C-alpha atoms as a PDB file:
ATOM      1  CA  UNK A   1     109.072  94.542 104.740  1.00  0.00           C
ATOM      2  CA  UNK A   2     107.843  97.934 106.170  1.00  0.00           C
ATOM      3  CA  UNK A   3     109.295 100.874 104.584  1.00  0.00           C
ATOM      4  CA  UNK A   4     106.608 103.297 106.319  1.00  0.00           C
ATOM      5  CA  UNK A   5     108.130 106.445 107.704  1.00  0.00           C
ATOM      6  CA  UNK A   6     105.591 106.058 110.522  1.00  0.00           C
ATOM      7  CA  UNK A   7     104.602 103.304 112.984  1.00  0.00           C
ATOM      8  CA  UNK A   8     101.344 102.845 114.477  1.00  0.00           C
ATOM      9  CA  UNK A   9     101.797 103.516 118.148  1.00  0.00           C
ATOM     10  CA  UNK A  10      98.092 103.785 119.737  1.00  0.00           C
ATOM     11  CA  UNK A  11      94.575 104.014 118.756  1.00  0.00           C
ATOM     12  CA  UNK A  12      91.711 105.565 120.489  1.00  0.00           C
ATOM     13  CA  UNK A  13      89.245 103.234 122.136  1.00  0.00           C
ATOM     14  CA  UNK A  14      86.406 105.467 123.373  1.00  0.00           C
ATOM     15  CA  UNK A  15      85.698 108.674 124.933  1.00  0.00           C
ATOM     16  CA  UNK A  16      86.311 108.993 128.858  1.00  0.00           C
ATOM     17  CA  UNK A  17      83.659 111.316 130.703  1.00  0.00           C
ATOM     18  CA  UNK A  18      82.235 114.559 129.436  1.00  0.00           C
ATOM     19  CA  UNK A  19      84.995 116.907 129.088  1.00  0.00           C
ATOM     20  CA  UNK A  20      86.611 115.256 125.856  1.00  0.00           C
ATOM     21  CA  UNK A  21      88.886 112.923 127.215  1.00  0.00           C
ATOM     22  CA  UNK A  22      89.623 109.611 125.471  1.00  0.00           C
ATOM     23  CA  UNK A  23      90.674 106.139 126.460  1.00  0.00           C
ATOM     24  CA  UNK A  24      94.100 105.393 124.407  1.00  0.00           C
ATOM     25  CA  UNK A  25      95.297 101.695 123.734  1.00  0.00           C
ATOM     26  CA  UNK A  26      99.119 101.957 123.616  1.00  0.00           C
ATOM     27  CA  UNK A  27     100.822  99.680 121.178  1.00  0.00           C
ATOM     28  CA  UNK A  28     104.317 100.290 122.553  1.00  0.00           C
ATOM     29  CA  UNK A  29     106.043  98.696 125.432  1.00  0.00           C
ATOM     30  CA  UNK A  30     106.474 102.000 127.083  1.00  0.00           C
ATOM     31  CA  UNK A  31     103.235 104.232 126.611  1.00  0.00           C
ATOM     32  CA  UNK A  32     104.770 107.303 128.245  1.00  0.00           C
ATOM     33  CA  UNK A  33     106.624 107.484 124.882  1.00  0.00           C
ATOM     34  CA  UNK A  34     103.384 108.935 123.237  1.00  0.00           C
ATOM     35  CA  UNK A  35     103.312 111.946 125.525  1.00  0.00           C
ATOM     36  CA  UNK A  36     107.067 112.353 124.998  1.00  0.00           C
ATOM     37  CA  UNK A  37     107.454 112.606 121.217  1.00  0.00           C
ATOM     38  CA  UNK A  38     107.105 115.942 119.535  1.00  0.00           C
ATOM     39  CA  UNK A  39     103.775 114.823 117.919  1.00  0.00           C
ATOM     40  CA  UNK A  40     101.556 111.826 116.960  1.00  0.00           C
ATOM     41  CA  UNK A  41     100.081 111.984 113.648  1.00  0.00           C
ATOM     42  CA  UNK A  42      96.716 110.262 112.536  1.00  0.00           C
ATOM     43  CA  UNK A  43      95.541 108.923 109.190  1.00  0.00           C
ATOM     44  CA  UNK A  44      94.348 112.271 107.844  1.00  0.00           C
ATOM     45  CA  UNK A  45      97.778 113.961 108.668  1.00  0.00           C
ATOM     46  CA  UNK A  46      96.506 115.901 111.759  1.00  0.00           C
ATOM     47  CA  UNK A  47      99.165 116.278 114.354  1.00  0.00           C
ATOM     48  CA  UNK A  48      98.212 115.544 118.033  1.00  0.00           C
ATOM     49  CA  UNK A  49     100.027 116.029 121.266  1.00  0.00           C
ATOM     50  CA  UNK A  50      98.823 113.595 124.226  1.00  0.00           C
ATOM     51  CA  UNK A  51      98.960 113.809 127.911  1.00  0.00           C
ATOM     52  CA  UNK A  52      98.189 111.212 130.161  1.00  0.00           C
ATOM     53  CA  UNK A  53      95.763 111.692 132.975  1.00  0.00           C
ATOM     54  CA  UNK A  54      95.402 108.286 134.369  1.00  0.00           C
ATOM     55  CA  UNK A  55      95.684 104.527 133.433  1.00  0.00           C
ATOM     56  CA  UNK A  56      95.191 104.585 129.510  1.00  0.00           C
ATOM     57  CA  UNK A  57      93.153 107.970 129.839  1.00  0.00           C
ATOM     58  CA  UNK A  58      94.364 111.108 127.985  1.00  0.00           C
ATOM     59  CA  UNK A  59      93.633 114.557 126.910  1.00  0.00           C
ATOM     60  CA  UNK A  60      94.427 115.378 123.206  1.00  0.00           C
ATOM     61  CA  UNK A  61      95.600 118.703 121.566  1.00  0.00           C
ATOM     62  CA  UNK A  62      95.919 119.282 117.684  1.00  0.00           C
ATOM     63  CA  UNK A  63      98.644 121.139 116.326  1.00  0.00           C
ATOM     64  CA  UNK A  64      96.215 124.293 116.558  1.00  0.00           C
ATOM     65  CA  UNK A  65      96.228 123.615 120.390  1.00  0.00           C
ATOM     66  CA  UNK A  66      92.631 122.929 120.298  1.00  0.00           C
ATOM     67  CA  UNK A  67      91.201 119.940 122.327  1.00  0.00           C
ATOM     68  CA  UNK A  68      87.835 117.919 121.896  1.00  0.00           C
ATOM     69  CA  UNK A  69      85.657 120.068 123.944  1.00  0.00           C
ATOM     70  CA  UNK A  70      83.049 117.567 124.967  1.00  0.00           C
ATOM     71  CA  UNK A  71      82.266 113.801 124.937  1.00  0.00           C
ATOM     72  CA  UNK A  72      80.680 114.024 121.414  1.00  0.00           C
ATOM     73  CA  UNK A  73      83.998 115.378 119.911  1.00  0.00           C
ATOM     74  CA  UNK A  74      85.801 112.857 121.713  1.00  0.00           C
ATOM     75  CA  UNK A  75      83.421 109.972 120.448  1.00  0.00           C
ATOM     76  CA  UNK A  76      84.136 111.115 116.850  1.00  0.00           C
ATOM     77  CA  UNK A  77      87.637 110.228 117.613  1.00  0.00           C
ATOM     78  CA  UNK A  78      87.096 106.560 118.280  1.00  0.00           C
ATOM     79  CA  UNK A  79      89.037 104.131 115.978  1.00  0.00           C
ATOM     80  CA  UNK A  80      91.671 106.900 115.218  1.00  0.00           C
ATOM     81  CA  UNK A  81      95.205 105.317 114.720  1.00  0.00           C
ATOM     82  CA  UNK A  82      97.770 107.331 116.039  1.00  0.00           C
ATOM     83  CA  UNK A  83     101.382 107.143 114.644  1.00  0.00           C
ATOM     84  CA  UNK A  84     104.991 108.069 115.656  1.00  0.00           C
ATOM     85  CA  UNK A  85     107.353 108.884 113.140  1.00  0.00           C
ATOM     86  CA  UNK A  86     110.212 106.371 112.680  1.00  0.00           C
ATOM     87  CA  UNK A  87     112.858 109.074 113.255  1.00  0.00           C
ATOM     88  CA  UNK A  88     111.665 109.114 116.940  1.00  0.00           C
ATOM     89  CA  UNK A  89     112.534 105.657 117.601  1.00  0.00           C
ATOM     90  CA  UNK A  90     116.095 104.698 118.639  1.00  0.00           C
ATOM     91  CA  UNK A  91     118.267 102.408 116.822  1.00  0.00           C
ATOM     92  CA  UNK A  92     118.116  98.751 118.223  1.00  0.00           C
ATOM     93  CA  UNK A  93     120.910  96.131 119.069  1.00  0.00           C
ATOM     94  CA  UNK A  94     121.628  93.819 116.142  1.00  0.00           C
ATOM     95  CA  UNK A  95     119.285  91.141 117.518  1.00  0.00           C
ATOM     96  CA  UNK A  96     116.326  93.071 118.514  1.00  0.00           C
ATOM     97  CA  UNK A  97     113.492  94.152 116.076  1.00  0.00           C
ATOM     98  CA  UNK A  98     110.660  96.563 116.066  1.00  0.00           C
ATOM     99  CA  UNK A  99     107.549  94.170 115.349  1.00  0.00           C
ATOM    100  CA  UNK A 100     106.445  96.775 112.493  1.00  0.00           C
ATOM    101  CA  UNK A 101     109.767  95.851 110.767  1.00  0.00           C
ATOM    102  CA  UNK A 102     109.155  92.231 110.639  1.00  0.00           C
ATOM    103  CA  UNK A 103     105.753  92.542 109.156  1.00  0.00           C
ATOM    104  CA  UNK A 104     105.870  91.941 105.278  1.00  0.00           C
ATOM    105  CA  UNK A 105     109.213  90.163 105.324  1.00  0.00           C
ATOM    106  CA  UNK A 106     109.452  86.997 103.317  1.00  0.00           C
ATOM    107  CA  UNK A 107     109.708  83.737 105.262  1.00  0.00           C
ATOM    108  CA  UNK A 108     111.958  80.927 103.939  1.00  0.00           C
ATOM    109  CA  UNK A 109     112.879  77.396 105.233  1.00  0.00           C
ATOM    110  CA  UNK A 110     116.207  76.549 105.759  1.00  0.00           C
ATOM    111  CA  UNK A 111     116.326  74.780 102.369  1.00  0.00           C
ATOM    112  CA  UNK A 112     115.332  78.304 100.884  1.00  0.00           C
ATOM    113  CA  UNK A 113     111.803  77.212  99.960  1.00  0.00           C
ATOM    114  CA  UNK A 114     109.507  80.271 100.235  1.00  0.00           C
ATOM    115  CA  UNK A 115     106.953  79.903 103.159  1.00  0.00           C
ATOM    116  CA  UNK A 116     105.098  83.075 102.735  1.00  0.00           C
ATOM    117  CA  UNK A 117     105.156  86.562 104.293  1.00  0.00           C
ATOM    118  CA  UNK A 118     105.110  87.708 108.024  1.00  0.00           C
ATOM    119  CA  UNK A 119     101.370  88.868 107.964  1.00  0.00           C
ATOM    120  CA  UNK A 120     101.193  89.722 111.962  1.00  0.00           C
ATOM    121  CA  UNK A 121     103.356  89.705 115.054  1.00  0.00           C
ATOM    122  CA  UNK A 122     101.470  88.238 118.070  1.00  0.00           C
ATOM    123  CA  UNK A 123     102.862  89.093 121.753  1.00  0.00           C
ATOM    124  CA  UNK A 124     100.496  87.690 124.260  1.00  0.00           C
ATOM    125  CA  UNK A 125     103.047  87.658 126.765  1.00  0.00           C
ATOM    126  CA  UNK A 126     104.210  84.252 126.717  1.00  0.00           C
ATOM    127  CA  UNK A 127     106.539  85.164 123.862  1.00  0.00           C
ATOM    128  CA  UNK A 128     106.413  86.611 120.523  1.00  0.00           C
ATOM    129  CA  UNK A 129     104.879  84.542 117.461  1.00  0.00           C
ATOM    130  CA  UNK A 130     104.873  85.363 113.705  1.00  0.00           C
ATOM    131  CA  UNK A 131     101.871  84.565 111.588  1.00  0.00           C
ATOM    132  CA  UNK A 132     102.620  83.869 108.242  1.00  0.00           C
ATOM    133  CA  UNK A 133     100.446  84.329 104.943  1.00  0.00           C
ATOM    134  CA  UNK A 134     100.489  80.596 104.697  1.00  0.00           C
ATOM    135  CA  UNK A 135      98.625  80.081 107.935  1.00  0.00           C
ATOM    136  CA  UNK A 136     101.515  78.890 110.135  1.00  0.00           C
ATOM    137  CA  UNK A 137     102.404  80.445 113.563  1.00  0.00           C
ATOM    138  CA  UNK A 138     106.034  80.131 114.292  1.00  0.00           C
ATOM    139  CA  UNK A 139     107.519  80.832 117.546  1.00  0.00           C
ATOM    140  CA  UNK A 140     110.008  84.268 117.287  1.00  0.00           C
ATOM    141  CA  UNK A 141     112.675  82.291 118.766  1.00  0.00           C
ATOM    142  CA  UNK A 142     116.471  81.893 117.566  1.00  0.00           C
ATOM    143  CA  UNK A 143     116.062  78.253 117.057  1.00  0.00           C
ATOM    144  CA  UNK A 144     112.811  78.949 115.042  1.00  0.00           C
ATOM    145  CA  UNK A 145     114.088  82.081 113.472  1.00  0.00           C
ATOM    146  CA  UNK A 146     117.764  81.847 113.074  1.00  0.00           C
ATOM    147  CA  UNK A 147     118.021  84.471 110.622  1.00  0.00           C
ATOM    148  CA  UNK A 148     116.357  87.986 110.138  1.00  0.00           C
ATOM    149  CA  UNK A 149     117.664  90.474 107.313  1.00  0.00           C
ATOM    150  CA  UNK A 150     115.274  93.635 107.383  1.00  0.00           C
ATOM    151  CA  UNK A 151     117.497  94.854 104.700  1.00  0.00           C
ATOM    152  CA  UNK A 152     116.967  91.745 102.399  1.00  0.00           C
ATOM    153  CA  UNK A 153     113.362  91.458 103.475  1.00  0.00           C
ATOM    154  CA  UNK A 154     113.597  87.932 104.736  1.00  0.00           C
ATOM    155  CA  UNK A 155     113.540  85.713 107.384  1.00  0.00           C
ATOM    156  CA  UNK A 156     114.756  82.032 107.627  1.00  0.00           C
ATOM    157  CA  UNK A 157     112.223  79.863 109.643  1.00  0.00           C
ATOM    158  CA  UNK A 158     112.913  76.457 111.198  1.00  0.00           C
ATOM    159  CA  UNK A 159     109.493  74.936 111.503  1.00  0.00           C
ATOM    160  CA  UNK A 160     109.112  73.280 115.034  1.00  0.00           C
ATOM    161  CA  UNK A 161     107.998  69.788 114.754  1.00  0.00           C
ATOM    162  CA  UNK A 162     104.494  69.221 115.450  1.00  0.00           C
ATOM    163  CA  UNK A 163     102.961  67.552 118.661  1.00  0.00           C
ATOM    164  CA  UNK A 164      99.664  65.954 118.762  1.00  0.00           C
ATOM    165  CA  UNK A 165      98.113  65.156 122.044  1.00  0.00           C
ATOM    166  CA  UNK A 166      95.252  62.819 122.236  1.00  0.00           C
ATOM    167  CA  UNK A 167      93.157  61.567 124.941  1.00  0.00           C
ATOM    168  CA  UNK A 168      90.948  63.262 127.438  1.00  0.00           C
ATOM    169  CA  UNK A 169      91.665  65.196 130.768  1.00  0.00           C
ATOM    170  CA  UNK A 170      90.031  62.767 132.963  1.00  0.00           C
ATOM    171  CA  UNK A 171      91.578  59.726 131.045  1.00  0.00           C
ATOM    172  CA  UNK A 172      94.845  58.599 129.779  1.00  0.00           C
ATOM    173  CA  UNK A 173      96.613  60.969 127.515  1.00  0.00           C
ATOM    174  CA  UNK A 174      98.988  59.992 124.673  1.00  0.00           C
ATOM    175  CA  UNK A 175     101.620  62.705 123.201  1.00  0.00           C
ATOM    176  CA  UNK A 176     103.018  61.809 119.724  1.00  0.00           C
ATOM    177  CA  UNK A 177     105.649  63.687 117.903  1.00  0.00           C
END
C-alpha cells in the first residue's frame, strides 16, 4: 500500500527549443493540475512551478524564481520526476481510487489465498489492468476485483477464466475456454 505523502505526477522528457523550455509527460488525467498546484517537487526536494506553453511544452521556475536559461540547462533536467503532495488531491468517492494507492496492495483470491502484490497499474485506454507480482494481469473491473480495501492494504481478485484461441487468420479458428 502506498503511504507516500507525494505522488508522481509528471516527468521531463526532453528539452524543447533553445530557451530552456522542456517537454513534460503528465501522468495525470488532467494535466492542467500541474500548473494549478502550489508547487511540484523533484526527487532532490527542489520545488518547481510549471506553466504550460503548448501541448506538453512547459517552462519551469524553481522556488528561487530561476528558470533553465538555455537548452543545456533544460537537458540536465531530462528524466526528472515531478511529484504533487497527496494533500493537493481531492477525496474520491468510495468506488474510485488513485492508481498510486493500488500499487503495493496485496491481492487475494476469493478463497483467501494470497496471489501477490499489485506491482503496476496499466491504462492503455481500453480499461485499467493490475499487474500482480506473480505475473498475472487482472482487468480492474468490479467482476474481477470485487473488493478493494486501501485501509487494510488488500484487494480480492476473481481471476477470469483463460481463453485459448487456436488456428490462423486465414483458416478455421477454434476458441476453447
